[in-house]
């Protein structure tokens, strides 16, 4: 089994799932769209790393293509890259194909890193059930503060933080972060700007990368809204 040191830098999907975990309720918000949201995070990660790009397909659709000879090192990202490498595919097709195993894979990584831990609790004093607990590393709090600074304080976002905020907004889970991130008109407006790739002139990412990421995130929003989520793994 992989050890934390062997896992490398956390993927965008890991940071996103960690943020969606709510320590007080010990639940993951947005379960009904998690299938697509995590898949979108994987594709956005590939875009930010310039491993994939998007282009026009038939009948106005958007397709994903790999950047040749530039595969990612991370195994989860590599699996998605290999799928797209076989041939250019529609964004929605990729989301549906890579999404099913992600919840369990990403959750297992968070447990291995110590970000989350599994505990056993008794229900009605009789039945054991597994629950998630915050691992106490402080990483979730730091991520939440980064997102809050961008959405509430108007800070110039780093690309990963911009993508995280946009994915949270696009998944419909942003209201669950109130009061840490107030559910207010300015916050909603800022989140929608990030969804569209308007990260600010000084954002440390090329315009084409912002455009690709925004295209992927908006495909997540459309797909998650229009299509019921398959059962979680």
C-alpha atoms as a PDB file:
ATOM      1  CA  UNK A   1       0.000   0.000   0.000  1.00  0.00           C
ATOM      2  CA  UNK A   2       1.275   3.466  -0.888  1.00  0.00           C
ATOM      3  CA  UNK A   3       2.622   5.563   1.965  1.00  0.00           C
ATOM      4  CA  UNK A   4       2.040   9.350   2.276  1.00  0.00           C
ATOM      5  CA  UNK A   5       5.583  10.160   1.112  1.00  0.00           C
ATOM      6  CA  UNK A   6       5.016   8.120  -2.036  1.00  0.00           C
ATOM      7  CA  UNK A   7       1.775   9.865  -2.942  1.00  0.00           C
ATOM      8  CA  UNK A   8       3.433  13.116  -3.965  1.00  0.00           C
ATOM      9  CA  UNK A   9       1.665  16.471  -4.019  1.00  0.00           C
ATOM     10  CA  UNK A  10      -2.099  16.223  -3.355  1.00  0.00           C
ATOM     11  CA  UNK A  11      -4.187  16.317  -6.487  1.00  0.00           C
ATOM     12  CA  UNK A  12      -6.892  18.908  -7.023  1.00  0.00           C
ATOM     13  CA  UNK A  13      -9.478  16.145  -6.504  1.00  0.00           C
ATOM     14  CA  UNK A  14      -7.983  15.339  -3.087  1.00  0.00           C
ATOM     15  CA  UNK A  15      -8.071  18.963  -1.973  1.00  0.00           C
ATOM     16  CA  UNK A  16     -11.615  19.319  -3.286  1.00  0.00           C
ATOM     17  CA  UNK A  17     -12.914  16.229  -1.488  1.00  0.00           C
ATOM     18  CA  UNK A  18     -11.186  17.329   1.717  1.00  0.00           C
ATOM     19  CA  UNK A  19     -12.930  20.697   1.496  1.00  0.00           C
ATOM     20  CA  UNK A  20     -16.285  19.063   0.811  1.00  0.00           C
ATOM     21  CA  UNK A  21     -15.897  17.014   4.002  1.00  0.00           C
ATOM     22  CA  UNK A  22     -17.690  18.793   6.824  1.00  0.00           C
ATOM     23  CA  UNK A  23     -16.006  18.066  10.187  1.00  0.00           C
ATOM     24  CA  UNK A  24     -19.034  18.959  12.315  1.00  0.00           C
ATOM     25  CA  UNK A  25     -21.447  16.589  10.569  1.00  0.00           C
ATOM     26  CA  UNK A  26     -18.741  14.121   9.457  1.00  0.00           C
ATOM     27  CA  UNK A  27     -20.331  14.067   6.011  1.00  0.00           C
ATOM     28  CA  UNK A  28     -19.272  14.939   2.490  1.00  0.00           C
ATOM     29  CA  UNK A  29     -21.519  17.582   0.990  1.00  0.00           C
ATOM     30  CA  UNK A  30     -22.525  17.422  -2.637  1.00  0.00           C
ATOM     31  CA  UNK A  31     -22.718  13.630  -2.804  1.00  0.00           C
ATOM     32  CA  UNK A  32     -25.392  13.856  -5.506  1.00  0.00           C
ATOM     33  CA  UNK A  33     -22.945  15.568  -7.890  1.00  0.00           C
ATOM     34  CA  UNK A  34     -19.674  14.200  -6.517  1.00  0.00           C
ATOM     35  CA  UNK A  35     -19.314  11.778  -9.409  1.00  0.00           C
ATOM     36  CA  UNK A  36     -18.922  14.649 -11.854  1.00  0.00           C
ATOM     37  CA  UNK A  37     -17.265  17.145  -9.545  1.00  0.00           C
ATOM     38  CA  UNK A  38     -14.273  14.911  -8.797  1.00  0.00           C
ATOM     39  CA  UNK A  39     -13.954  13.963 -12.454  1.00  0.00           C
ATOM     40  CA  UNK A  40     -13.972  17.657 -13.302  1.00  0.00           C
ATOM     41  CA  UNK A  41     -11.232  18.232 -10.726  1.00  0.00           C
ATOM     42  CA  UNK A  42      -9.119  15.533 -12.389  1.00  0.00           C
ATOM     43  CA  UNK A  43      -9.578  17.114 -15.820  1.00  0.00           C
ATOM     44  CA  UNK A  44      -8.936  20.595 -14.425  1.00  0.00           C
ATOM     45  CA  UNK A  45      -5.732  19.295 -12.827  1.00  0.00           C
ATOM     46  CA  UNK A  46      -4.648  17.906 -16.190  1.00  0.00           C
ATOM     47  CA  UNK A  47      -5.427  21.252 -17.805  1.00  0.00           C
ATOM     48  CA  UNK A  48      -3.502  23.219 -15.183  1.00  0.00           C
ATOM     49  CA  UNK A  49      -0.533  20.914 -15.709  1.00  0.00           C
ATOM     50  CA  UNK A  50      -0.860  21.386 -19.480  1.00  0.00           C
ATOM     51  CA  UNK A  51      -1.375  17.659 -19.981  1.00  0.00           C
ATOM     52  CA  UNK A  52      -4.638  18.165 -21.904  1.00  0.00           C
ATOM     53  CA  UNK A  53      -6.302  20.822 -23.987  1.00  0.00           C
ATOM     54  CA  UNK A  54      -9.812  21.320 -25.291  1.00  0.00           C
ATOM     55  CA  UNK A  55     -11.034  21.977 -28.795  1.00  0.00           C
ATOM     56  CA  UNK A  56     -14.134  22.086 -30.941  1.00  0.00           C
ATOM     57  CA  UNK A  57     -15.848  18.821 -31.796  1.00  0.00           C
ATOM     58  CA  UNK A  58     -18.765  18.062 -34.036  1.00  0.00           C
ATOM     59  CA  UNK A  59     -22.019  19.990 -33.773  1.00  0.00           C
ATOM     60  CA  UNK A  60     -20.525  22.592 -31.473  1.00  0.00           C
ATOM     61  CA  UNK A  61     -19.394  20.115 -28.825  1.00  0.00           C
ATOM     62  CA  UNK A  62     -16.158  20.436 -26.838  1.00  0.00           C
ATOM     63  CA  UNK A  63     -13.599  17.644 -26.935  1.00  0.00           C
ATOM     64  CA  UNK A  64     -10.548  16.925 -24.802  1.00  0.00           C
ATOM     65  CA  UNK A  65      -7.206  16.016 -26.352  1.00  0.00           C
ATOM     66  CA  UNK A  66      -3.975  15.063 -24.615  1.00  0.00           C
ATOM     67  CA  UNK A  67      -0.770  17.003 -25.047  1.00  0.00           C
ATOM     68  CA  UNK A  68       1.410  14.378 -26.699  1.00  0.00           C
ATOM     69  CA  UNK A  69       4.427  13.069 -24.772  1.00  0.00           C
ATOM     70  CA  UNK A  70       3.384  14.939 -21.637  1.00  0.00           C
ATOM     71  CA  UNK A  71       1.647  12.418 -19.353  1.00  0.00           C
ATOM     72  CA  UNK A  72       1.227  13.201 -15.647  1.00  0.00           C
ATOM     73  CA  UNK A  73       3.146  11.237 -13.023  1.00  0.00           C
ATOM     74  CA  UNK A  74       0.215  10.836 -10.619  1.00  0.00           C
ATOM     75  CA  UNK A  75      -1.561   7.512 -11.127  1.00  0.00           C
ATOM     76  CA  UNK A  76      -5.125   8.857 -10.883  1.00  0.00           C
ATOM     77  CA  UNK A  77      -4.367  11.642 -13.336  1.00  0.00           C
ATOM     78  CA  UNK A  78      -2.480   9.221 -15.594  1.00  0.00           C
ATOM     79  CA  UNK A  79      -5.485   6.900 -15.803  1.00  0.00           C
ATOM     80  CA  UNK A  80      -7.651   9.744 -17.084  1.00  0.00           C
ATOM     81  CA  UNK A  81      -4.880  10.920 -19.435  1.00  0.00           C
ATOM     82  CA  UNK A  82      -4.546   7.418 -20.893  1.00  0.00           C
ATOM     83  CA  UNK A  83      -8.287   7.274 -21.528  1.00  0.00           C
ATOM     84  CA  UNK A  84      -8.194  10.542 -23.457  1.00  0.00           C
ATOM     85  CA  UNK A  85      -4.968   9.562 -25.232  1.00  0.00           C
ATOM     86  CA  UNK A  86      -6.797   6.753 -27.049  1.00  0.00           C
ATOM     87  CA  UNK A  87      -8.718   9.388 -29.006  1.00  0.00           C
ATOM     88  CA  UNK A  88     -10.194  12.871 -28.488  1.00  0.00           C
ATOM     89  CA  UNK A  89     -13.412  12.610 -26.524  1.00  0.00           C
ATOM     90  CA  UNK A  90     -16.231  14.885 -25.446  1.00  0.00           C
ATOM     91  CA  UNK A  91     -15.860  16.416 -22.003  1.00  0.00           C
ATOM     92  CA  UNK A  92     -19.083  14.816 -20.782  1.00  0.00           C
ATOM     93  CA  UNK A  93     -17.919  11.430 -22.056  1.00  0.00           C
ATOM     94  CA  UNK A  94     -14.668  11.758 -20.135  1.00  0.00           C
ATOM     95  CA  UNK A  95     -16.470  12.822 -16.957  1.00  0.00           C
ATOM     96  CA  UNK A  96     -18.747   9.793 -17.126  1.00  0.00           C
ATOM     97  CA  UNK A  97     -15.863   7.414 -17.845  1.00  0.00           C
ATOM     98  CA  UNK A  98     -13.327   8.525 -15.230  1.00  0.00           C
ATOM     99  CA  UNK A  99     -15.778   9.482 -12.481  1.00  0.00           C
ATOM    100  CA  UNK A 100     -17.077   6.163 -11.060  1.00  0.00           C
ATOM    101  CA  UNK A 101     -13.998   5.028  -9.055  1.00  0.00           C
ATOM    102  CA  UNK A 102     -12.815   8.438  -7.927  1.00  0.00           C
ATOM    103  CA  UNK A 103     -14.693   8.804  -4.645  1.00  0.00           C
ATOM    104  CA  UNK A 104     -13.179   5.673  -3.134  1.00  0.00           C
ATOM    105  CA  UNK A 105      -9.734   6.259  -4.645  1.00  0.00           C
ATOM    106  CA  UNK A 106      -9.471   9.856  -3.508  1.00  0.00           C
ATOM    107  CA  UNK A 107     -10.949   9.130  -0.088  1.00  0.00           C
ATOM    108  CA  UNK A 108      -8.387   6.365   0.453  1.00  0.00           C
ATOM    109  CA  UNK A 109      -5.585   8.800  -0.346  1.00  0.00           C
ATOM    110  CA  UNK A 110      -6.888  11.300   2.174  1.00  0.00           C
ATOM    111  CA  UNK A 111      -6.925   8.575   4.826  1.00  0.00           C
ATOM    112  CA  UNK A 112      -3.393   7.476   3.913  1.00  0.00           C
ATOM    113  CA  UNK A 113      -2.176  11.065   4.186  1.00  0.00           C
ATOM    114  CA  UNK A 114      -3.809  11.432   7.596  1.00  0.00           C
ATOM    115  CA  UNK A 115      -6.105  14.222   6.378  1.00  0.00           C
ATOM    116  CA  UNK A 116      -9.117  12.083   7.326  1.00  0.00           C
ATOM    117  CA  UNK A 117      -9.414   9.040   9.523  1.00  0.00           C
ATOM    118  CA  UNK A 118     -12.013   6.318   9.810  1.00  0.00           C
ATOM    119  CA  UNK A 119     -13.557   5.664  13.209  1.00  0.00           C
ATOM    120  CA  UNK A 120     -16.115   3.099  14.339  1.00  0.00           C
ATOM    121  CA  UNK A 121     -19.243   4.296  16.120  1.00  0.00           C
ATOM    122  CA  UNK A 122     -22.180   2.367  17.550  1.00  0.00           C
ATOM    123  CA  UNK A 123     -25.697   3.081  16.319  1.00  0.00           C
ATOM    124  CA  UNK A 124     -28.476   2.563  18.885  1.00  0.00           C
ATOM    125  CA  UNK A 125     -25.804   1.063  21.085  1.00  0.00           C
ATOM    126  CA  UNK A 126     -25.823  -2.093  18.973  1.00  0.00           C
ATOM    127  CA  UNK A 127     -24.574  -1.674  15.415  1.00  0.00           C
ATOM    128  CA  UNK A 128     -21.100  -0.585  14.396  1.00  0.00           C
ATOM    129  CA  UNK A 129     -20.750   1.918  11.595  1.00  0.00           C
ATOM    130  CA  UNK A 130     -17.746   3.625  10.065  1.00  0.00           C
ATOM    131  CA  UNK A 131     -17.565   7.413  10.193  1.00  0.00           C
ATOM    132  CA  UNK A 132     -15.023   9.909   8.950  1.00  0.00           C
ATOM    133  CA  UNK A 133     -13.198  12.296  11.241  1.00  0.00           C
ATOM    134  CA  UNK A 134     -10.901  15.216  10.533  1.00  0.00           C
ATOM    135  CA  UNK A 135      -7.287  14.076  10.767  1.00  0.00           C
ATOM    136  CA  UNK A 136      -6.152  17.252  12.520  1.00  0.00           C
ATOM    137  CA  UNK A 137      -3.380  18.135  10.042  1.00  0.00           C
ATOM    138  CA  UNK A 138      -4.693  21.673   9.493  1.00  0.00           C
ATOM    139  CA  UNK A 139      -4.579  21.266   5.714  1.00  0.00           C
ATOM    140  CA  UNK A 140      -8.346  21.597   5.291  1.00  0.00           C
ATOM    141  CA  UNK A 141      -8.369  24.813   7.336  1.00  0.00           C
ATOM    142  CA  UNK A 142      -5.590  26.249   5.174  1.00  0.00           C
ATOM    143  CA  UNK A 143      -7.421  25.344   1.978  1.00  0.00           C
ATOM    144  CA  UNK A 144     -10.638  26.879   3.263  1.00  0.00           C
ATOM    145  CA  UNK A 145      -8.797  30.062   4.216  1.00  0.00           C
ATOM    146  CA  UNK A 146      -7.266  30.279   0.726  1.00  0.00           C
ATOM    147  CA  UNK A 147     -10.692  29.942  -0.890  1.00  0.00           C
ATOM    148  CA  UNK A 148     -12.218  32.418   1.548  1.00  0.00           C
ATOM    149  CA  UNK A 149      -9.568  35.026   0.791  1.00  0.00           C
ATOM    150  CA  UNK A 150     -10.377  34.786  -2.921  1.00  0.00           C
ATOM    151  CA  UNK A 151     -14.168  34.765  -2.613  1.00  0.00           C
ATOM    152  CA  UNK A 152     -14.639  37.095   0.348  1.00  0.00           C
ATOM    153  CA  UNK A 153     -11.562  39.319   0.474  1.00  0.00           C
ATOM    154  CA  UNK A 154     -11.049  39.581  -3.287  1.00  0.00           C
ATOM    155  CA  UNK A 155      -7.493  38.225  -3.212  1.00  0.00           C
ATOM    156  CA  UNK A 156      -5.820  37.385  -6.517  1.00  0.00           C
ATOM    157  CA  UNK A 157      -6.115  33.591  -6.773  1.00  0.00           C
ATOM    158  CA  UNK A 158      -3.469  31.048  -7.529  1.00  0.00           C
ATOM    159  CA  UNK A 159      -4.699  28.742 -10.318  1.00  0.00           C
ATOM    160  CA  UNK A 160      -5.430  25.776  -8.042  1.00  0.00           C
ATOM    161  CA  UNK A 161      -7.368  27.919  -5.575  1.00  0.00           C
ATOM    162  CA  UNK A 162      -9.341  29.504  -8.406  1.00  0.00           C
ATOM    163  CA  UNK A 163     -10.213  26.052  -9.750  1.00  0.00           C
ATOM    164  CA  UNK A 164     -11.178  24.802  -6.290  1.00  0.00           C
ATOM    165  CA  UNK A 165     -13.470  27.767  -5.693  1.00  0.00           C
ATOM    166  CA  UNK A 166     -15.025  27.399  -9.141  1.00  0.00           C
ATOM    167  CA  UNK A 167     -15.634  23.663  -8.659  1.00  0.00           C
ATOM    168  CA  UNK A 168     -17.218  24.217  -5.248  1.00  0.00           C
ATOM    169  CA  UNK A 169     -19.468  26.865  -6.741  1.00  0.00           C
ATOM    170  CA  UNK A 170     -20.278  24.776  -9.800  1.00  0.00           C
ATOM    171  CA  UNK A 171     -21.159  21.749  -7.690  1.00  0.00           C
ATOM    172  CA  UNK A 172     -23.789  23.760  -5.827  1.00  0.00           C
ATOM    173  CA  UNK A 173     -22.152  23.223  -2.438  1.00  0.00           C
ATOM    174  CA  UNK A 174     -20.973  26.770  -1.763  1.00  0.00           C
ATOM    175  CA  UNK A 175     -23.952  27.571   0.546  1.00  0.00           C
ATOM    176  CA  UNK A 176     -22.793  24.728   2.821  1.00  0.00           C
ATOM    177  CA  UNK A 177     -19.663  26.735   3.700  1.00  0.00           C
ATOM    178  CA  UNK A 178     -21.597  29.575   5.320  1.00  0.00           C
ATOM    179  CA  UNK A 179     -20.686  31.232   7.707  1.00  0.00           C
ATOM    180  CA  UNK A 180     -16.969  30.566   7.048  1.00  0.00           C
ATOM    181  CA  UNK A 181     -17.631  31.758   3.497  1.00  0.00           C
ATOM    182  CA  UNK A 182     -20.754  33.946   3.695  1.00  0.00           C
ATOM    183  CA  UNK A 183     -23.486  33.081   1.212  1.00  0.00           C
ATOM    184  CA  UNK A 184     -23.781  36.637  -0.083  1.00  0.00           C
ATOM    185  CA  UNK A 185     -24.295  38.359  -3.423  1.00  0.00           C
ATOM    186  CA  UNK A 186     -20.651  39.528  -3.711  1.00  0.00           C
ATOM    187  CA  UNK A 187     -19.392  36.006  -2.984  1.00  0.00           C
ATOM    188  CA  UNK A 188     -21.790  34.470  -5.532  1.00  0.00           C
ATOM    189  CA  UNK A 189     -20.742  37.021  -8.149  1.00  0.00           C
ATOM    190  CA  UNK A 190     -17.053  36.351  -7.543  1.00  0.00           C
ATOM    191  CA  UNK A 191     -17.581  32.586  -7.700  1.00  0.00           C
ATOM    192  CA  UNK A 192     -19.384  32.868 -11.032  1.00  0.00           C
ATOM    193  CA  UNK A 193     -16.479  34.933 -12.391  1.00  0.00           C
ATOM    194  CA  UNK A 194     -14.081  32.155 -11.424  1.00  0.00           C
ATOM    195  CA  UNK A 195     -16.308  29.562 -13.098  1.00  0.00           C
ATOM    196  CA  UNK A 196     -15.958  31.544 -16.337  1.00  0.00           C
ATOM    197  CA  UNK A 197     -12.158  31.699 -16.014  1.00  0.00           C
ATOM    198  CA  UNK A 198     -12.036  35.357 -14.946  1.00  0.00           C
ATOM    199  CA  UNK A 199      -9.265  34.883 -12.400  1.00  0.00           C
ATOM    200  CA  UNK A 200      -7.709  38.337 -12.728  1.00  0.00           C
ATOM    201  CA  UNK A 201      -4.961  39.755 -14.889  1.00  0.00           C
ATOM    202  CA  UNK A 202      -2.228  38.813 -12.453  1.00  0.00           C
ATOM    203  CA  UNK A 203      -3.282  35.196 -11.930  1.00  0.00           C
ATOM    204  CA  UNK A 204      -0.329  32.873 -12.332  1.00  0.00           C
ATOM    205  CA  UNK A 205      -1.704  30.902 -15.262  1.00  0.00           C
ATOM    206  CA  UNK A 206      -1.752  31.426 -18.999  1.00  0.00           C
ATOM    207  CA  UNK A 207      -5.010  32.640 -20.505  1.00  0.00           C
ATOM    208  CA  UNK A 208      -5.373  29.430 -22.519  1.00  0.00           C
ATOM    209  CA  UNK A 209      -5.096  27.340 -19.344  1.00  0.00           C
ATOM    210  CA  UNK A 210      -7.770  29.444 -17.647  1.00  0.00           C
ATOM    211  CA  UNK A 211     -10.008  29.002 -20.683  1.00  0.00           C
ATOM    212  CA  UNK A 212      -9.531  25.228 -20.776  1.00  0.00           C
ATOM    213  CA  UNK A 213     -10.184  24.928 -17.046  1.00  0.00           C
ATOM    214  CA  UNK A 214     -13.290  27.110 -17.273  1.00  0.00           C
ATOM    215  CA  UNK A 215     -14.596  24.988 -20.163  1.00  0.00           C
ATOM    216  CA  UNK A 216     -14.154  21.820 -18.104  1.00  0.00           C
ATOM    217  CA  UNK A 217     -15.754  23.307 -14.990  1.00  0.00           C
ATOM    218  CA  UNK A 218     -18.769  24.536 -16.917  1.00  0.00           C
ATOM    219  CA  UNK A 219     -19.149  21.107 -18.504  1.00  0.00           C
ATOM    220  CA  UNK A 220     -19.249  19.696 -14.963  1.00  0.00           C
ATOM    221  CA  UNK A 221     -22.020  22.133 -14.060  1.00  0.00           C
ATOM    222  CA  UNK A 222     -24.088  21.293 -17.142  1.00  0.00           C
ATOM    223  CA  UNK A 223     -23.607  17.549 -16.831  1.00  0.00           C
ATOM    224  CA  UNK A 224     -24.218  17.359 -13.084  1.00  0.00           C
ATOM    225  CA  UNK A 225     -27.371  19.444 -13.407  1.00  0.00           C
ATOM    226  CA  UNK A 226     -28.811  17.518 -16.331  1.00  0.00           C
ATOM    227  CA  UNK A 227     -27.842  13.933 -15.522  1.00  0.00           C
ATOM    228  CA  UNK A 228     -28.539  11.846 -12.408  1.00  0.00           C
ATOM    229  CA  UNK A 229     -25.421  10.585 -10.687  1.00  0.00           C
ATOM    230  CA  UNK A 230     -24.693   6.850 -10.905  1.00  0.00           C
ATOM    231  CA  UNK A 231     -24.304   5.050  -7.590  1.00  0.00           C
ATOM    232  CA  UNK A 232     -21.187   5.899  -5.601  1.00  0.00           C
ATOM    233  CA  UNK A 233     -18.478   3.300  -5.325  1.00  0.00           C
END
